[in-house]
Amino acid sequence: MKKKKVWGSILILLFILVGIFCYMQYTANTEKEAYVQSGIPIGKEYIKKYYNADFIYQNNEFIGSYVNSTVYLRGYIKGNLKRIQNIEP
């Protein structure tokens, strides 16, 4: 009987730890998505101002998210499918 209680307690503790880990991953991804969504208009404005072109966003990449939140936006100039590699707004 005592073994069942111990294993039950271990199982419940394991489920709690997995739940906490999943929640932390979810909040980190949500925060990163907020950074990207706020950075896209800034990147488009930068390209428009300095290159007089329209930027079409495709994807992003985070660099050193623990030290700083540098986000590289990747895409291309409208009408030109040649990709622009690292544009920092």
PDB file of N, CA and C in Angstrom:
ATOM      1  N   MET A   1       0.822  -1.197   0.000  1.00  0.00           N
ATOM      2  CA  MET A   1       0.000   0.000   0.000  1.00  0.00           C
ATOM      3  C   MET A   1       0.865   1.258   0.000  1.00  0.00           C
ATOM      4  N   LYS A   2       1.953   1.218   0.765  1.00  0.00           N
ATOM      5  CA  LYS A   2       2.833   2.373   0.865  1.00  0.00           C
ATOM      6  C   LYS A   2       3.536   2.651  -0.465  1.00  0.00           C
ATOM      7  N   LYS A   3       3.888   1.582  -1.192  1.00  0.00           N
ATOM      8  CA  LYS A   3       4.554   1.747  -2.482  1.00  0.00           C
ATOM      9  C   LYS A   3       3.640   2.443  -3.478  1.00  0.00           C
ATOM     10  N   LYS A   4       2.365   2.128  -3.442  1.00  0.00           N
ATOM     11  CA  LYS A   4       1.411   2.765  -4.359  1.00  0.00           C
ATOM     12  C   LYS A   4       1.323   4.264  -4.099  1.00  0.00           C
ATOM     13  N   LYS A   5       1.349   4.657  -2.827  1.00  0.00           N
ATOM     14  CA  LYS A   5       1.292   6.084  -2.491  1.00  0.00           C
ATOM     15  C   LYS A   5       2.550   6.814  -2.981  1.00  0.00           C
ATOM     16  N   VAL A   6       3.696   6.173  -2.804  1.00  0.00           N
ATOM     17  CA  VAL A   6       4.960   6.783  -3.237  1.00  0.00           C
ATOM     18  C   VAL A   6       4.961   6.946  -4.757  1.00  0.00           C
ATOM     19  N   TRP A   7       4.600   5.878  -5.484  1.00  0.00           N
ATOM     20  CA  TRP A   7       4.592   5.960  -6.937  1.00  0.00           C
ATOM     21  C   TRP A   7       3.525   6.935  -7.430  1.00  0.00           C
ATOM     22  N   GLY A   8       2.406   6.998  -6.755  1.00  0.00           N
ATOM     23  CA  GLY A   8       1.365   7.957  -7.111  1.00  0.00           C
ATOM     24  C   GLY A   8       1.848   9.387  -6.917  1.00  0.00           C
ATOM     25  N   SER A   9       2.546   9.625  -5.811  1.00  0.00           N
ATOM     26  CA  SER A   9       3.091  10.963  -5.543  1.00  0.00           C
ATOM     27  C   SER A   9       4.145  11.353  -6.586  1.00  0.00           C
ATOM     28  N   ILE A  10       4.993  10.395  -6.947  1.00  0.00           N
ATOM     29  CA  ILE A  10       6.015  10.652  -7.962  1.00  0.00           C
ATOM     30  C   ILE A  10       5.364  10.959  -9.304  1.00  0.00           C
ATOM     31  N   LEU A  11       4.333  10.235  -9.650  1.00  0.00           N
ATOM     32  CA  LEU A  11       3.632  10.458 -10.911  1.00  0.00           C
ATOM     33  C   LEU A  11       2.957  11.830 -10.950  1.00  0.00           C
ATOM     34  N   ILE A  12       2.314  12.199  -9.856  1.00  0.00           N
ATOM     35  CA  ILE A  12       1.673  13.521  -9.788  1.00  0.00           C
ATOM     36  C   ILE A  12       2.727  14.618  -9.890  1.00  0.00           C
ATOM     37  N   LEU A  13       3.832  14.486  -9.193  1.00  0.00           N
ATOM     38  CA  LEU A  13       4.913  15.468  -9.250  1.00  0.00           C
ATOM     39  C   LEU A  13       5.472  15.579 -10.669  1.00  0.00           C
ATOM     40  N   LEU A  14       5.613  14.461 -11.342  1.00  0.00           N
ATOM     41  CA  LEU A  14       6.099  14.459 -12.722  1.00  0.00           C
ATOM     42  C   LEU A  14       5.139  15.215 -13.638  1.00  0.00           C
ATOM     43  N   PHE A  15       3.839  14.972 -13.498  1.00  0.00           N
ATOM     44  CA  PHE A  15       2.844  15.687 -14.305  1.00  0.00           C
ATOM     45  C   PHE A  15       2.883  17.188 -14.047  1.00  0.00           C
ATOM     46  N   ILE A  16       3.060  17.572 -12.795  1.00  0.00           N
ATOM     47  CA  ILE A  16       3.139  19.004 -12.454  1.00  0.00           C
ATOM     48  C   ILE A  16       4.364  19.632 -13.099  1.00  0.00           C
ATOM     49  N   LEU A  17       5.512  18.969 -13.033  1.00  0.00           N
ATOM     50  CA  LEU A  17       6.734  19.501 -13.636  1.00  0.00           C
ATOM     51  C   LEU A  17       6.620  19.614 -15.154  1.00  0.00           C
ATOM     52  N   VAL A  18       6.022  18.624 -15.800  1.00  0.00           N
ATOM     53  CA  VAL A  18       5.825  18.679 -17.253  1.00  0.00           C
ATOM     54  C   VAL A  18       4.887  19.826 -17.608  1.00  0.00           C
ATOM     55  N   GLY A  19       3.837  20.019 -16.823  1.00  0.00           N
ATOM     56  CA  GLY A  19       2.912  21.128 -17.054  1.00  0.00           C
ATOM     57  C   GLY A  19       3.592  22.481 -16.929  1.00  0.00           C
ATOM     58  N   ILE A  20       4.427  22.640 -15.928  1.00  0.00           N
ATOM     59  CA  ILE A  20       5.164  23.899 -15.746  1.00  0.00           C
ATOM     60  C   ILE A  20       6.105  24.135 -16.925  1.00  0.00           C
ATOM     61  N   PHE A  21       6.804  23.108 -17.367  1.00  0.00           N
ATOM     62  CA  PHE A  21       7.711  23.242 -18.500  1.00  0.00           C
ATOM     63  C   PHE A  21       6.956  23.653 -19.763  1.00  0.00           C
ATOM     64  N   CYS A  22       5.819  23.016 -20.033  1.00  0.00           N
ATOM     65  CA  CYS A  22       5.025  23.356 -21.224  1.00  0.00           C
ATOM     66  C   CYS A  22       4.527  24.793 -21.157  1.00  0.00           C
ATOM     67  N   TYR A  23       4.109  25.235 -19.984  1.00  0.00           N
ATOM     68  CA  TYR A  23       3.642  26.615 -19.823  1.00  0.00           C
ATOM     69  C   TYR A  23       4.771  27.608 -20.077  1.00  0.00           C
ATOM     70  N   MET A  24       5.969  27.306 -19.583  1.00  0.00           N
ATOM     71  CA  MET A  24       7.112  28.200 -19.797  1.00  0.00           C
ATOM     72  C   MET A  24       7.463  28.287 -21.276  1.00  0.00           C
ATOM     73  N   GLN A  25       7.413  27.181 -21.994  1.00  0.00           N
ATOM     74  CA  GLN A  25       7.685  27.195 -23.433  1.00  0.00           C
ATOM     75  C   GLN A  25       6.636  28.019 -24.171  1.00  0.00           C
ATOM     76  N   TYR A  26       5.385  27.876 -23.787  1.00  0.00           N
ATOM     77  CA  TYR A  26       4.296  28.623 -24.419  1.00  0.00           C
ATOM     78  C   TYR A  26       4.486  30.128 -24.224  1.00  0.00           C
ATOM     79  N   THR A  27       4.814  30.555 -23.007  1.00  0.00           N
ATOM     80  CA  THR A  27       4.987  31.984 -22.764  1.00  0.00           C
ATOM     81  C   THR A  27       6.208  32.536 -23.498  1.00  0.00           C
ATOM     82  N   ALA A  28       7.279  31.752 -23.610  1.00  0.00           N
ATOM     83  CA  ALA A  28       8.461  32.199 -24.348  1.00  0.00           C
ATOM     84  C   ALA A  28       8.136  32.372 -25.826  1.00  0.00           C
ATOM     85  N   ASN A  29       7.402  31.436 -26.401  1.00  0.00           N
ATOM     86  CA  ASN A  29       7.027  31.543 -27.812  1.00  0.00           C
ATOM     87  C   ASN A  29       6.085  32.709 -28.045  1.00  0.00           C
ATOM     88  N   THR A  30       5.170  32.953 -27.130  1.00  0.00           N
ATOM     89  CA  THR A  30       4.246  34.076 -27.255  1.00  0.00           C
ATOM     90  C   THR A  30       5.002  35.401 -27.205  1.00  0.00           C
ATOM     91  N   GLU A  31       5.983  35.481 -26.329  1.00  0.00           N
ATOM     92  CA  GLU A  31       6.785  36.706 -26.209  1.00  0.00           C
ATOM     93  C   GLU A  31       7.604  36.943 -27.484  1.00  0.00           C
ATOM     94  N   LYS A  32       8.189  35.894 -28.038  1.00  0.00           N
ATOM     95  CA  LYS A  32       8.949  36.027 -29.275  1.00  0.00           C
ATOM     96  C   LYS A  32       8.054  36.470 -30.424  1.00  0.00           C
ATOM     97  N   GLU A  33       6.860  35.910 -30.496  1.00  0.00           N
ATOM     98  CA  GLU A  33       5.923  36.288 -31.559  1.00  0.00           C
ATOM     99  C   GLU A  33       5.529  37.765 -31.435  1.00  0.00           C
ATOM    100  N   ALA A  34       5.400  38.250 -30.206  1.00  0.00           N
ATOM    101  CA  ALA A  34       5.086  39.671 -29.999  1.00  0.00           C
ATOM    102  C   ALA A  34       6.234  40.551 -30.495  1.00  0.00           C
ATOM    103  N   TYR A  35       7.480  40.131 -30.254  1.00  0.00           N
ATOM    104  CA  TYR A  35       8.631  40.881 -30.756  1.00  0.00           C
ATOM    105  C   TYR A  35       8.613  40.938 -32.287  1.00  0.00           C
ATOM    106  N   VAL A  36       8.343  39.810 -32.906  1.00  0.00           N
ATOM    107  CA  VAL A  36       8.328  39.751 -34.372  1.00  0.00           C
ATOM    108  C   VAL A  36       7.225  40.642 -34.932  1.00  0.00           C
ATOM    109  N   GLN A  37       6.035  40.539 -34.365  1.00  0.00           N
ATOM    110  CA  GLN A  37       4.910  41.320 -34.875  1.00  0.00           C
ATOM    111  C   GLN A  37       5.124  42.819 -34.691  1.00  0.00           C
ATOM    112  N   SER A  38       5.840  43.221 -33.654  1.00  0.00           N
ATOM    113  CA  SER A  38       6.136  44.644 -33.488  1.00  0.00           C
ATOM    114  C   SER A  38       7.307  45.079 -34.368  1.00  0.00           C
ATOM    115  N   GLY A  39       8.170  44.145 -34.763  1.00  0.00           N
ATOM    116  CA  GLY A  39       9.336  44.483 -35.571  1.00  0.00           C
ATOM    117  C   GLY A  39       9.070  44.559 -37.066  1.00  0.00           C
ATOM    118  N   ILE A  40       8.041  43.863 -37.544  1.00  0.00           N
ATOM    119  CA  ILE A  40       7.751  43.852 -38.981  1.00  0.00           C
ATOM    120  C   ILE A  40       7.442  45.248 -39.509  1.00  0.00           C
ATOM    121  N   PRO A  41       6.548  46.023 -38.871  1.00  0.00           N
ATOM    122  CA  PRO A  41       6.299  47.380 -39.385  1.00  0.00           C
ATOM    123  C   PRO A  41       7.542  48.278 -39.328  1.00  0.00           C
ATOM    124  N   ILE A  42       8.373  48.083 -38.311  1.00  0.00           N
ATOM    125  CA  ILE A  42       9.596  48.882 -38.190  1.00  0.00           C
ATOM    126  C   ILE A  42      10.542  48.546 -39.339  1.00  0.00           C
ATOM    127  N   GLY A  43      10.678  47.259 -39.653  1.00  0.00           N
ATOM    128  CA  GLY A  43      11.531  46.836 -40.768  1.00  0.00           C
ATOM    129  C   GLY A  43      11.024  47.355 -42.102  1.00  0.00           C
ATOM    130  N   LYS A  44       9.718  47.284 -42.298  1.00  0.00           N
ATOM    131  CA  LYS A  44       9.140  47.792 -43.543  1.00  0.00           C
ATOM    132  C   LYS A  44       9.358  49.293 -43.678  1.00  0.00           C
ATOM    133  N   GLU A  45       9.206  50.009 -42.578  1.00  0.00           N
ATOM    134  CA  GLU A  45       9.422  51.461 -42.599  1.00  0.00           C
ATOM    135  C   GLU A  45      10.883  51.798 -42.899  1.00  0.00           C
ATOM    136  N   TYR A  46      11.810  51.026 -42.329  1.00  0.00           N
ATOM    137  CA  TYR A  46      13.238  51.233 -42.556  1.00  0.00           C
ATOM    138  C   TYR A  46      13.583  51.066 -44.038  1.00  0.00           C
ATOM    139  N   ILE A  47      13.099  49.973 -44.646  1.00  0.00           N
ATOM    140  CA  ILE A  47      13.373  49.719 -46.067  1.00  0.00           C
ATOM    141  C   ILE A  47      12.752  50.817 -46.924  1.00  0.00           C
ATOM    142  N   LYS A  48      11.562  51.237 -46.572  1.00  0.00           N
ATOM    143  CA  LYS A  48      10.882  52.278 -47.338  1.00  0.00           C
ATOM    144  C   LYS A  48      11.659  53.597 -47.245  1.00  0.00           C
ATOM    145  N   LYS A  49      12.126  53.929 -46.055  1.00  0.00           N
ATOM    146  CA  LYS A  49      12.817  55.199 -45.832  1.00  0.00           C
ATOM    147  C   LYS A  49      14.196  55.232 -46.507  1.00  0.00           C
ATOM    148  N   TYR A  50      14.999  54.186 -46.325  1.00  0.00           N
ATOM    149  CA  TYR A  50      16.382  54.226 -46.791  1.00  0.00           C
ATOM    150  C   TYR A  50      16.594  53.637 -48.191  1.00  0.00           C
ATOM    151  N   TYR A  51      15.683  52.784 -48.643  1.00  0.00           N
ATOM    152  CA  TYR A  51      15.859  52.160 -49.951  1.00  0.00           C
ATOM    153  C   TYR A  51      14.719  52.460 -50.916  1.00  0.00           C
ATOM    154  N   ASN A  52      13.714  53.178 -50.443  1.00  0.00           N
ATOM    155  CA  ASN A  52      12.547  53.548 -51.244  1.00  0.00           C
ATOM    156  C   ASN A  52      11.953  52.325 -51.956  1.00  0.00           C
ATOM    157  N   ALA A  53      11.719  51.262 -51.185  1.00  0.00           N
ATOM    158  CA  ALA A  53      11.173  50.019 -51.728  1.00  0.00           C
ATOM    159  C   ALA A  53      10.224  49.409 -50.707  1.00  0.00           C
ATOM    160  N   ASP A  54       9.373  48.511 -51.172  1.00  0.00           N
ATOM    161  CA  ASP A  54       8.449  47.804 -50.284  1.00  0.00           C
ATOM    162  C   ASP A  54       9.028  46.450 -49.927  1.00  0.00           C
ATOM    163  N   PHE A  55       9.097  46.170 -48.625  1.00  0.00           N
ATOM    164  CA  PHE A  55       9.658  44.929 -48.107  1.00  0.00           C
ATOM    165  C   PHE A  55       8.539  43.917 -47.879  1.00  0.00           C
ATOM    166  N   ILE A  56       8.715  42.686 -48.383  1.00  0.00           N
ATOM    167  CA  ILE A  56       7.770  41.601 -48.166  1.00  0.00           C
ATOM    168  C   ILE A  56       8.411  40.630 -47.165  1.00  0.00           C
ATOM    169  N   TYR A  57       7.815  40.534 -45.994  1.00  0.00           N
ATOM    170  CA  TYR A  57       8.317  39.687 -44.916  1.00  0.00           C
ATOM    171  C   TYR A  57       8.058  38.210 -45.226  1.00  0.00           C
ATOM    172  N   GLN A  58       9.064  37.346 -44.946  1.00  0.00           N
ATOM    173  CA  GLN A  58       8.896  35.900 -45.121  1.00  0.00           C
ATOM    174  C   GLN A  58       9.051  35.134 -43.807  1.00  0.00           C
ATOM    175  N   ASN A  59      10.149  35.329 -43.092  1.00  0.00           N
ATOM    176  CA  ASN A  59      10.353  34.631 -41.827  1.00  0.00           C
ATOM    177  C   ASN A  59      11.322  35.416 -40.958  1.00  0.00           C
ATOM    178  N   ASN A  60      11.705  34.843 -39.824  1.00  0.00           N
ATOM    179  CA  ASN A  60      12.589  35.552 -38.900  1.00  0.00           C
ATOM    180  C   ASN A  60      13.552  34.582 -38.242  1.00  0.00           C
ATOM    181  N   GLU A  61      14.518  35.169 -37.528  1.00  0.00           N
ATOM    182  CA  GLU A  61      15.492  34.383 -36.785  1.00  0.00           C
ATOM    183  C   GLU A  61      15.900  35.172 -35.552  1.00  0.00           C
ATOM    184  N   PHE A  62      15.914  34.526 -34.395  1.00  0.00           N
ATOM    185  CA  PHE A  62      16.343  35.165 -33.157  1.00  0.00           C
ATOM    186  C   PHE A  62      17.803  34.835 -32.907  1.00  0.00           C
ATOM    187  N   ILE A  63      18.560  35.843 -32.502  1.00  0.00           N
ATOM    188  CA  ILE A  63      19.970  35.663 -32.182  1.00  0.00           C
ATOM    189  C   ILE A  63      20.180  36.097 -30.737  1.00  0.00           C
ATOM    190  N   GLY A  64      20.738  35.211 -29.911  1.00  0.00           N
ATOM    191  CA  GLY A  64      21.074  35.556 -28.536  1.00  0.00           C
ATOM    192  C   GLY A  64      19.914  36.063 -27.723  1.00  0.00           C
ATOM    193  N   SER A  65      18.830  35.328 -27.680  1.00  0.00           N
ATOM    194  CA  SER A  65      17.637  35.818 -27.011  1.00  0.00           C
ATOM    195  C   SER A  65      17.809  35.985 -25.501  1.00  0.00           C
ATOM    196  N   TYR A  66      18.824  35.366 -24.887  1.00  0.00           N
ATOM    197  CA  TYR A  66      19.031  35.534 -23.454  1.00  0.00           C
ATOM    198  C   TYR A  66      19.804  36.813 -23.149  1.00  0.00           C
ATOM    199  N   VAL A  67      20.671  37.226 -24.046  1.00  0.00           N
ATOM    200  CA  VAL A  67      21.471  38.420 -23.823  1.00  0.00           C
ATOM    201  C   VAL A  67      20.762  39.657 -24.344  1.00  0.00           C
ATOM    202  N   ASN A  68      20.327  39.595 -25.592  1.00  0.00           N
ATOM    203  CA  ASN A  68      19.560  40.682 -26.187  1.00  0.00           C
ATOM    204  C   ASN A  68      18.530  40.070 -27.128  1.00  0.00           C
ATOM    205  N   SER A  69      17.570  40.842 -27.492  1.00  0.00           N
ATOM    206  CA  SER A  69      16.495  40.312 -28.335  1.00  0.00           C
ATOM    207  C   SER A  69      16.669  40.801 -29.769  1.00  0.00           C
ATOM    208  N   THR A  70      17.713  40.336 -30.432  1.00  0.00           N
ATOM    209  CA  THR A  70      17.945  40.688 -31.821  1.00  0.00           C
ATOM    210  C   THR A  70      17.113  39.773 -32.709  1.00  0.00           C
ATOM    211  N   VAL A  71      16.314  40.385 -33.563  1.00  0.00           N
ATOM    212  CA  VAL A  71      15.472  39.625 -34.478  1.00  0.00           C
ATOM    213  C   VAL A  71      15.884  39.992 -35.892  1.00  0.00           C
ATOM    214  N   TYR A  72      16.244  38.991 -36.684  1.00  0.00           N
ATOM    215  CA  TYR A  72      16.540  39.211 -38.089  1.00  0.00           C
ATOM    216  C   TYR A  72      15.296  38.891 -38.893  1.00  0.00           C
ATOM    217  N   LEU A  73      14.831  39.870 -39.655  1.00  0.00           N
ATOM    218  CA  LEU A  73      13.682  39.671 -40.527  1.00  0.00           C
ATOM    219  C   LEU A  73      14.197  39.291 -41.903  1.00  0.00           C
ATOM    220  N   ARG A  74      13.624  38.268 -42.479  1.00  0.00           N
ATOM    221  CA  ARG A  74      14.031  37.835 -43.812  1.00  0.00           C
ATOM    222  C   ARG A  74      12.860  38.004 -44.768  1.00  0.00           C
ATOM    223  N   GLY A  75      13.185  38.459 -45.971  1.00  0.00           N
ATOM    224  CA  GLY A  75      12.161  38.664 -46.979  1.00  0.00           C
ATOM    225  C   GLY A  75      12.790  39.144 -48.264  1.00  0.00           C
ATOM    226  N   TYR A  76      12.007  39.848 -49.061  1.00  0.00           N
ATOM    227  CA  TYR A  76      12.501  40.350 -50.337  1.00  0.00           C
ATOM    228  C   TYR A  76      11.797  41.660 -50.676  1.00  0.00           C
ATOM    229  N   ILE A  77      12.361  42.361 -51.651  1.00  0.00           N
ATOM    230  CA  ILE A  77      11.777  43.609 -52.131  1.00  0.00           C
ATOM    231  C   ILE A  77      10.644  43.271 -53.095  1.00  0.00           C
ATOM    232  N   LYS A  78       9.528  43.953 -52.935  1.00  0.00           N
ATOM    233  CA  LYS A  78       8.371  43.710 -53.799  1.00  0.00           C
ATOM    234  C   LYS A  78       8.770  43.909 -55.259  1.00  0.00           C
ATOM    235  N   GLY A  79       8.454  42.919 -56.081  1.00  0.00           N
ATOM    236  CA  GLY A  79       8.816  42.970 -57.493  1.00  0.00           C
ATOM    237  C   GLY A  79      10.168  42.347 -57.784  1.00  0.00           C
ATOM    238  N   ASN A  80      10.940  42.040 -56.738  1.00  0.00           N
ATOM    239  CA  ASN A  80      12.251  41.438 -56.901  1.00  0.00           C
ATOM    240  C   ASN A  80      12.335  40.244 -55.954  1.00  0.00           C
ATOM    241  N   LEU A  81      12.377  39.043 -56.461  1.00  0.00           N
ATOM    242  CA  LEU A  81      12.364  37.867 -55.610  1.00  0.00           C
ATOM    243  C   LEU A  81      13.724  37.518 -55.019  1.00  0.00           C
ATOM    244  N   LYS A  82      14.761  38.285 -55.353  1.00  0.00           N
ATOM    245  CA  LYS A  82      16.064  38.053 -54.744  1.00  0.00           C
ATOM    246  C   LYS A  82      15.944  38.379 -53.257  1.00  0.00           C
ATOM    247  N   ARG A  83      16.317  37.436 -52.410  1.00  0.00           N
ATOM    248  CA  ARG A  83      16.145  37.606 -50.970  1.00  0.00           C
ATOM    249  C   ARG A  83      17.140  38.604 -50.398  1.00  0.00           C
ATOM    250  N   ILE A  84      16.680  39.360 -49.450  1.00  0.00           N
ATOM    251  CA  ILE A  84      17.565  40.222 -48.655  1.00  0.00           C
ATOM    252  C   ILE A  84      17.940  39.405 -47.420  1.00  0.00           C
ATOM    253  N   GLN A  85      19.211  39.301 -47.120  1.00  0.00           N
ATOM    254  CA  GLN A  85      19.597  38.417 -46.046  1.00  0.00           C
ATOM    255  C   GLN A  85      19.428  39.066 -44.678  1.00  0.00           C
ATOM    256  N   ASN A  86      20.152  39.801 -44.090  1.00  0.00           N
ATOM    257  CA  ASN A  86      19.953  40.214 -42.708  1.00  0.00           C
ATOM    258  C   ASN A  86      19.626  41.701 -42.647  1.00  0.00           C
ATOM    259  N   ILE A  87      18.388  41.990 -42.341  1.00  0.00           N
ATOM    260  CA  ILE A  87      17.965  43.378 -42.219  1.00  0.00           C
ATOM    261  C   ILE A  87      17.585  43.611 -40.758  1.00  0.00           C
ATOM    262  N   GLU A  88      18.292  44.524 -40.119  1.00  0.00           N
ATOM    263  CA  GLU A  88      17.991  44.851 -38.738  1.00  0.00           C
ATOM    264  C   GLU A  88      17.285  46.198 -38.705  1.00  0.00           C
ATOM    265  N   PRO A  89      16.045  46.208 -38.216  1.00  0.00           N
ATOM    266  CA  PRO A  89      15.359  47.506 -38.095  1.00  0.00           C
ATOM    267  C   PRO A  89      15.918  48.304 -36.951  1.00  0.00           C
TER     268      PRO A  89
END
